[in-house]
């Protein structure tokens, strides 16, 4: 097995956003401003039609195109480089949504119980990512299955997974089986 923080890894998973609809929405939202200003520049500089009631100069439109391009590239790089990483080692569950957060470790001592759970990302958590919803907190990027953790303080955390049985079995090695329910 791989090493994480000098510990043997019992479970490791990396997930990325794979939803086609979400991908299309992010791409369209990222490039729409760019296309808008390119169209405005074309109208003003080629067709000689003022773009809007109080049009920017052509230089202003070029600056807007440059800013929109930087914005689009930034959003697309963030989206396509995002990944949910989950490790289980003897010191706990380590999870992060890169590049938005550092690894957060959840100690087994604080887990009251856990189970495999099907969920609705939209209805239960309002979408994907680092979420807070009626069902508690969640880290999810794809799918509708996760490991639901209930902590001794009553807090709930769902970690999305494409390998629920492997995740559950690795967690079972470290948590008291008398308190754990599948």
Protein backbone atom coordinates (compact mmCIF):
# COMPACT_ATOMS: atom_id res chain seq x y z
CA UNK A 1 0.00 0.00 0.00
CA UNK A 2 0.97 3.63 -0.44
CA UNK A 3 2.19 5.81 2.39
CA UNK A 4 0.34 8.87 3.72
CA UNK A 5 1.85 10.89 6.53
CA UNK A 6 4.24 7.96 7.07
CA UNK A 7 1.31 5.63 7.71
CA UNK A 8 0.03 2.67 5.75
CA UNK A 9 -3.04 3.54 3.72
CA UNK A 10 -6.00 1.22 4.17
CA UNK A 11 -8.22 3.08 1.70
CA UNK A 12 -7.53 5.68 -0.97
CA UNK A 13 -9.84 7.25 -3.51
CA UNK A 14 -9.65 10.20 -5.86
CA UNK A 15 -12.80 11.49 -7.53
CA UNK A 16 -13.36 14.27 -10.03
CA UNK A 17 -16.43 16.11 -11.22
CA UNK A 18 -17.85 13.99 -14.08
CA UNK A 19 -21.41 15.26 -14.51
CA UNK A 20 -21.91 16.27 -18.13
CA UNK A 21 -24.59 18.86 -17.32
CA UNK A 22 -22.46 20.46 -14.60
CA UNK A 23 -19.42 20.50 -16.90
CA UNK A 24 -21.41 22.18 -19.68
CA UNK A 25 -22.81 24.76 -17.24
CA UNK A 26 -19.35 25.61 -15.87
CA UNK A 27 -17.81 25.87 -19.35
CA UNK A 28 -20.66 28.06 -20.64
CA UNK A 29 -20.59 30.29 -17.55
CA UNK A 30 -16.81 30.66 -17.83
CA UNK A 31 -16.69 31.55 -21.52
CA UNK A 32 -19.94 33.53 -21.88
CA UNK A 33 -18.43 36.87 -20.75
CA UNK A 34 -15.50 36.34 -23.11
CA UNK A 35 -17.79 35.66 -26.07
CA UNK A 36 -19.96 38.63 -25.11
CA UNK A 37 -17.04 41.08 -25.25
CA UNK A 38 -15.60 39.51 -28.42
CA UNK A 39 -19.00 40.01 -30.07
CA UNK A 40 -19.08 43.62 -28.84
CA UNK A 41 -15.60 44.28 -30.17
CA UNK A 42 -16.55 42.75 -33.54
CA UNK A 43 -19.67 44.92 -33.78
CA UNK A 44 -17.78 48.11 -32.97
CA UNK A 45 -14.51 47.56 -34.79
CA UNK A 46 -15.65 45.64 -37.90
CA UNK A 47 -19.33 46.54 -38.37
CA UNK A 48 -18.95 50.05 -36.86
CA UNK A 49 -22.10 49.56 -34.76
CA UNK A 50 -21.87 50.92 -31.20
CA UNK A 51 -22.11 48.13 -28.65
CA UNK A 52 -24.72 49.23 -26.08
CA UNK A 53 -26.29 52.55 -25.09
CA UNK A 54 -23.02 53.85 -23.64
CA UNK A 55 -20.41 51.84 -25.56
CA UNK A 56 -16.90 51.27 -24.33
CA UNK A 57 -14.07 52.30 -26.55
CA UNK A 58 -12.45 49.56 -28.63
CA UNK A 59 -9.54 49.63 -26.19
CA UNK A 60 -11.97 49.19 -23.30
CA UNK A 61 -13.51 46.20 -25.06
CA UNK A 62 -10.04 44.69 -25.64
CA UNK A 63 -9.27 45.08 -21.92
CA UNK A 64 -12.63 43.46 -21.13
CA UNK A 65 -11.76 40.58 -23.48
CA UNK A 66 -8.40 40.09 -21.73
CA UNK A 67 -10.00 40.12 -18.25
CA UNK A 68 -12.74 37.73 -19.43
CA UNK A 69 -10.12 35.39 -20.88
CA UNK A 70 -8.19 35.33 -17.59
CA UNK A 71 -11.46 34.71 -15.72
CA UNK A 72 -12.48 31.88 -18.09
CA UNK A 73 -9.10 30.16 -17.89
CA UNK A 74 -9.05 30.48 -14.09
CA UNK A 75 -12.54 29.01 -13.66
CA UNK A 76 -11.84 26.16 -16.07
CA UNK A 77 -8.49 25.32 -14.48
CA UNK A 78 -10.10 25.28 -11.01
CA UNK A 79 -12.97 23.10 -12.18
CA UNK A 80 -10.92 20.57 -14.13
CA UNK A 81 -8.18 20.31 -11.48
CA UNK A 82 -10.63 19.87 -8.60
CA UNK A 83 -10.62 16.48 -6.94
CA UNK A 84 -11.90 14.86 -3.79
CA UNK A 85 -9.21 12.81 -2.11
CA UNK A 86 -10.00 10.41 0.71
CA UNK A 87 -7.47 8.37 2.70
CA UNK A 88 -7.97 6.08 5.65
CA UNK A 89 -4.98 5.36 7.86
CA UNK A 90 -4.69 4.26 11.47
CA UNK A 91 -4.83 7.93 12.55
CA UNK A 92 -8.20 8.62 10.93
CA UNK A 93 -10.04 9.61 7.80
CA UNK A 94 -8.17 12.24 5.80
CA UNK A 95 -10.21 14.15 3.22
CA UNK A 96 -9.77 17.24 1.09
CA UNK A 97 -11.33 18.89 -1.91
CA UNK A 98 -8.30 20.13 -3.83
CA UNK A 99 -7.53 23.02 -4.42
CA UNK A 100 -10.12 24.51 -2.06
CA UNK A 101 -9.09 22.99 1.26
CA UNK A 102 -6.20 21.26 2.97
CA UNK A 103 -6.54 17.76 4.32
CA UNK A 104 -8.91 17.55 7.25
CA UNK A 105 -8.51 14.54 9.54
CA UNK A 106 -11.41 12.94 11.36
CA UNK A 107 -10.38 10.75 14.29
CA UNK A 108 -12.00 7.35 14.68
CA UNK A 109 -12.46 8.10 18.39
CA UNK A 110 -15.00 10.80 17.51
CA UNK A 111 -17.13 8.58 15.25
CA UNK A 112 -20.22 7.19 16.93
CA UNK A 113 -21.39 5.23 13.89
CA UNK A 114 -21.25 5.18 10.11
CA UNK A 115 -23.09 3.61 7.21
CA UNK A 116 -23.26 3.47 3.44
CA UNK A 117 -25.93 5.89 2.29
CA UNK A 118 -27.59 6.81 -0.97
CA UNK A 119 -28.38 10.51 -1.13
CA UNK A 120 -29.51 13.24 -3.48
CA UNK A 121 -26.71 15.78 -3.97
CA UNK A 122 -29.19 18.51 -4.94
CA UNK A 123 -32.00 17.85 -2.43
CA UNK A 124 -29.87 16.84 0.56
CA UNK A 125 -26.90 19.19 0.13
CA UNK A 126 -27.74 21.71 -2.59
CA UNK A 127 -25.18 20.34 -5.06
CA UNK A 128 -21.61 19.12 -5.15
CA UNK A 129 -18.41 20.27 -3.48
CA UNK A 130 -18.00 21.32 0.15
CA UNK A 131 -21.65 21.50 1.15
CA UNK A 132 -23.89 22.10 4.14
CA UNK A 133 -27.51 21.05 3.93
CA UNK A 134 -30.41 19.69 5.94
CA UNK A 135 -28.61 16.34 6.19
CA UNK A 136 -25.40 17.90 7.62
CA UNK A 137 -22.09 18.57 5.90
CA UNK A 138 -20.84 16.80 2.81
CA UNK A 139 -17.78 16.47 0.62
CA UNK A 140 -18.94 15.15 -2.73
CA UNK A 141 -18.07 15.58 -6.39
CA UNK A 142 -19.85 12.79 -8.22
CA UNK A 143 -22.50 10.15 -7.76
CA UNK A 144 -25.14 9.59 -5.13
CA UNK A 145 -23.52 7.16 -2.68
CA UNK A 146 -21.40 8.05 0.30
CA UNK A 147 -20.31 7.08 3.77
CA UNK A 148 -22.43 8.89 6.35
CA UNK A 149 -20.52 9.57 9.55
CA UNK A 150 -22.31 10.41 12.79
CA UNK A 151 -19.96 11.92 15.34
CA UNK A 152 -20.31 11.65 19.11
CA UNK A 153 -21.16 15.37 19.28
CA UNK A 154 -24.15 14.79 16.95
CA UNK A 155 -22.55 16.33 13.85
CA UNK A 156 -23.00 14.51 10.56
CA UNK A 157 -20.64 14.31 7.60
CA UNK A 158 -21.17 12.53 4.31
CA UNK A 159 -18.14 11.70 2.20
CA UNK A 160 -19.07 10.79 -1.37
CA UNK A 161 -17.48 7.65 -2.76
CA UNK A 162 -17.50 5.43 -5.81
CA UNK A 163 -16.14 2.56 -3.69
CA UNK A 164 -18.61 2.35 -0.79
CA UNK A 165 -17.86 -1.26 0.20
CA UNK A 166 -14.08 -0.71 0.22
CA UNK A 167 -14.49 2.54 2.19
CA UNK A 168 -16.83 0.85 4.67
CA UNK A 169 -14.54 -2.17 5.13
CA UNK A 170 -11.46 0.01 5.71
CA UNK A 171 -13.37 2.11 8.24
CA UNK A 172 -14.58 -1.05 9.99
CA UNK A 173 -10.98 -2.01 10.75
CA UNK A 174 -10.59 1.00 13.03
CA UNK A 175 -14.04 1.71 14.50
CA UNK A 176 -15.77 -0.24 17.27
CA UNK A 177 -18.06 -2.69 15.47
CA UNK A 178 -20.58 -2.65 18.34
CA UNK A 179 -21.47 0.96 17.55
CA UNK A 180 -21.29 0.75 13.74
CA UNK A 181 -24.30 0.00 11.53
CA UNK A 182 -24.38 -0.75 7.83
